[in-house]
Amino acid sequence: MRSPERNSFTPYVGQPILRNRTGSLVGRWPTWFNTGGDVRLTLMSLGFLHGDGWFDILWRLCEDVEPLVAEFEEGSGRCFEVLQVKE
């Protein structure tokens, strides 16, 4: 039996986050979550890889870091982007 490759992608197999909740995260922070981007540049095109129970934690995290992101973007002139979200 062949062992799995070390860096192979394993999709989330549990109960996925509900699409309408995903949409509310993307709708609230659209520049942070590029879900339509090229998979070679962002893994957000694969979606949110965690169960629905993580939604409230992720929402609170985004709210907490929002002032820091604004400060970073203003100071650096660069845009903040989440490249992957998973459990």
C-alpha atoms as a PDB file:
ATOM      1  CA  MET A   1       0.000   0.000   0.000  1.00  0.00           C
ATOM      2  CA  ARG A   2       1.393   3.370  -1.020  1.00  0.00           C
ATOM      3  CA  SER A   3       1.533   6.077   1.650  1.00  0.00           C
ATOM      4  CA  PRO A   4       0.036   9.480   0.827  1.00  0.00           C
ATOM      5  CA  GLU A   5       2.363  12.142  -0.481  1.00  0.00           C
ATOM      6  CA  ARG A   6       3.569  14.574   2.115  1.00  0.00           C
ATOM      7  CA  ASN A   7       2.164  17.749   0.554  1.00  0.00           C
ATOM      8  CA  SER A   8      -0.936  16.300  -1.093  1.00  0.00           C
ATOM      9  CA  PHE A   9      -4.221  18.189  -0.757  1.00  0.00           C
ATOM     10  CA  THR A  10      -6.876  16.488   1.357  1.00  0.00           C
ATOM     11  CA  PRO A  11     -10.307  18.080   0.983  1.00  0.00           C
ATOM     12  CA  TYR A  12     -12.479  18.682   4.040  1.00  0.00           C
ATOM     13  CA  VAL A  13     -14.734  15.638   4.461  1.00  0.00           C
ATOM     14  CA  GLY A  14     -16.854  16.743   7.436  1.00  0.00           C
ATOM     15  CA  GLN A  15     -19.939  18.927   7.464  1.00  0.00           C
ATOM     16  CA  PRO A  16     -18.964  21.947   5.298  1.00  0.00           C
ATOM     17  CA  ILE A  17     -19.629  25.552   6.210  1.00  0.00           C
ATOM     18  CA  LEU A  18     -23.005  26.622   4.882  1.00  0.00           C
ATOM     19  CA  ARG A  19     -22.813  28.561   1.619  1.00  0.00           C
ATOM     20  CA  ASN A  20     -24.926  31.483   2.878  1.00  0.00           C
ATOM     21  CA  ARG A  21     -22.588  31.918   5.854  1.00  0.00           C
ATOM     22  CA  THR A  22     -19.580  31.817   3.534  1.00  0.00           C
ATOM     23  CA  GLY A  23     -21.282  34.489   1.441  1.00  0.00           C
ATOM     24  CA  SER A  24     -21.740  36.698   4.479  1.00  0.00           C
ATOM     25  CA  LEU A  25     -17.999  36.544   5.252  1.00  0.00           C
ATOM     26  CA  VAL A  26     -17.073  37.307   1.653  1.00  0.00           C
ATOM     27  CA  GLY A  27     -19.753  40.009   1.499  1.00  0.00           C
ATOM     28  CA  ARG A  28     -18.506  41.693   4.674  1.00  0.00           C
ATOM     29  CA  TRP A  29     -14.792  41.508   3.726  1.00  0.00           C
ATOM     30  CA  PRO A  30     -14.783  41.113  -0.084  1.00  0.00           C
ATOM     31  CA  THR A  31     -11.183  42.213  -0.609  1.00  0.00           C
ATOM     32  CA  TRP A  32      -9.932  39.746   2.004  1.00  0.00           C
ATOM     33  CA  PHE A  33     -11.495  36.588   0.517  1.00  0.00           C
ATOM     34  CA  ASN A  34     -10.842  36.185  -3.216  1.00  0.00           C
ATOM     35  CA  THR A  35     -12.900  33.015  -3.725  1.00  0.00           C
ATOM     36  CA  GLY A  36     -12.748  33.352  -7.504  1.00  0.00           C
ATOM     37  CA  GLY A  37      -8.980  33.683  -7.724  1.00  0.00           C
ATOM     38  CA  ASP A  38      -6.444  31.476  -9.470  1.00  0.00           C
ATOM     39  CA  VAL A  39      -5.567  28.450  -7.329  1.00  0.00           C
ATOM     40  CA  ARG A  40      -1.909  29.078  -8.137  1.00  0.00           C
ATOM     41  CA  LEU A  41      -2.158  32.401  -6.265  1.00  0.00           C
ATOM     42  CA  THR A  42      -4.763  31.754  -3.560  1.00  0.00           C
ATOM     43  CA  LEU A  43      -6.327  28.630  -2.100  1.00  0.00           C
ATOM     44  CA  MET A  44      -9.522  30.560  -1.328  1.00  0.00           C
ATOM     45  CA  SER A  45     -10.782  29.374  -4.720  1.00  0.00           C
ATOM     46  CA  LEU A  46     -11.139  25.962  -3.017  1.00  0.00           C
ATOM     47  CA  GLY A  47     -13.517  27.539  -0.514  1.00  0.00           C
ATOM     48  CA  PHE A  48     -13.604  27.581   3.253  1.00  0.00           C
ATOM     49  CA  LEU A  49     -12.254  24.206   4.396  1.00  0.00           C
ATOM     50  CA  HIS A  50     -13.880  23.817   7.792  1.00  0.00           C
ATOM     51  CA  GLY A  51     -17.195  22.930   9.330  1.00  0.00           C
ATOM     52  CA  ASP A  52     -20.005  25.368  10.056  1.00  0.00           C
ATOM     53  CA  GLY A  53     -19.122  25.407  13.763  1.00  0.00           C
ATOM     54  CA  TRP A  54     -16.066  27.532  12.953  1.00  0.00           C
ATOM     55  CA  PHE A  55     -18.112  30.364  11.435  1.00  0.00           C
ATOM     56  CA  ASP A  56     -18.590  32.437  14.613  1.00  0.00           C
ATOM     57  CA  ILE A  57     -14.907  32.064  15.533  1.00  0.00           C
ATOM     58  CA  LEU A  58     -13.832  33.178  12.069  1.00  0.00           C
ATOM     59  CA  TRP A  59     -16.274  36.116  12.084  1.00  0.00           C
ATOM     60  CA  ARG A  60     -14.984  37.341  15.462  1.00  0.00           C
ATOM     61  CA  LEU A  61     -11.383  36.946  14.293  1.00  0.00           C
ATOM     62  CA  CYS A  62     -12.082  39.069  11.216  1.00  0.00           C
ATOM     63  CA  GLU A  63     -13.742  41.743  13.352  1.00  0.00           C
ATOM     64  CA  ASP A  64     -10.807  41.735  15.779  1.00  0.00           C
ATOM     65  CA  VAL A  65      -8.113  42.080  13.099  1.00  0.00           C
ATOM     66  CA  GLU A  66     -10.036  44.596  10.966  1.00  0.00           C
ATOM     67  CA  PRO A  67      -8.414  47.664  12.624  1.00  0.00           C
ATOM     68  CA  LEU A  68      -4.966  46.069  12.257  1.00  0.00           C
ATOM     69  CA  VAL A  69      -5.619  45.322   8.593  1.00  0.00           C
ATOM     70  CA  ALA A  70      -6.731  48.914   7.992  1.00  0.00           C
ATOM     71  CA  GLU A  71      -3.556  50.175   9.663  1.00  0.00           C
ATOM     72  CA  PHE A  72      -1.409  47.780   7.610  1.00  0.00           C
ATOM     73  CA  GLU A  73      -3.076  48.756   4.331  1.00  0.00           C
ATOM     74  CA  GLU A  74      -2.815  52.473   5.066  1.00  0.00           C
ATOM     75  CA  GLY A  75       0.820  52.254   6.147  1.00  0.00           C
ATOM     76  CA  SER A  76       2.059  49.928   3.426  1.00  0.00           C
ATOM     77  CA  GLY A  77      -0.178  50.840   0.501  1.00  0.00           C
ATOM     78  CA  ARG A  78      -0.736  47.111  -0.025  1.00  0.00           C
ATOM     79  CA  CYS A  79      -3.964  45.107   0.216  1.00  0.00           C
ATOM     80  CA  PHE A  80      -4.468  42.407   2.822  1.00  0.00           C
ATOM     81  CA  GLU A  81      -5.717  39.072   1.469  1.00  0.00           C
ATOM     82  CA  VAL A  82      -6.526  35.750   3.118  1.00  0.00           C
ATOM     83  CA  LEU A  83      -4.938  32.964   1.073  1.00  0.00           C
ATOM     84  CA  GLN A  84      -6.540  29.955   2.784  1.00  0.00           C
ATOM     85  CA  VAL A  85      -9.046  29.180   5.517  1.00  0.00           C
ATOM     86  CA  LYS A  86      -9.213  25.697   6.938  1.00  0.00           C
ATOM     87  CA  GLU A  87      -9.824  23.932  10.227  1.00  0.00           C
END
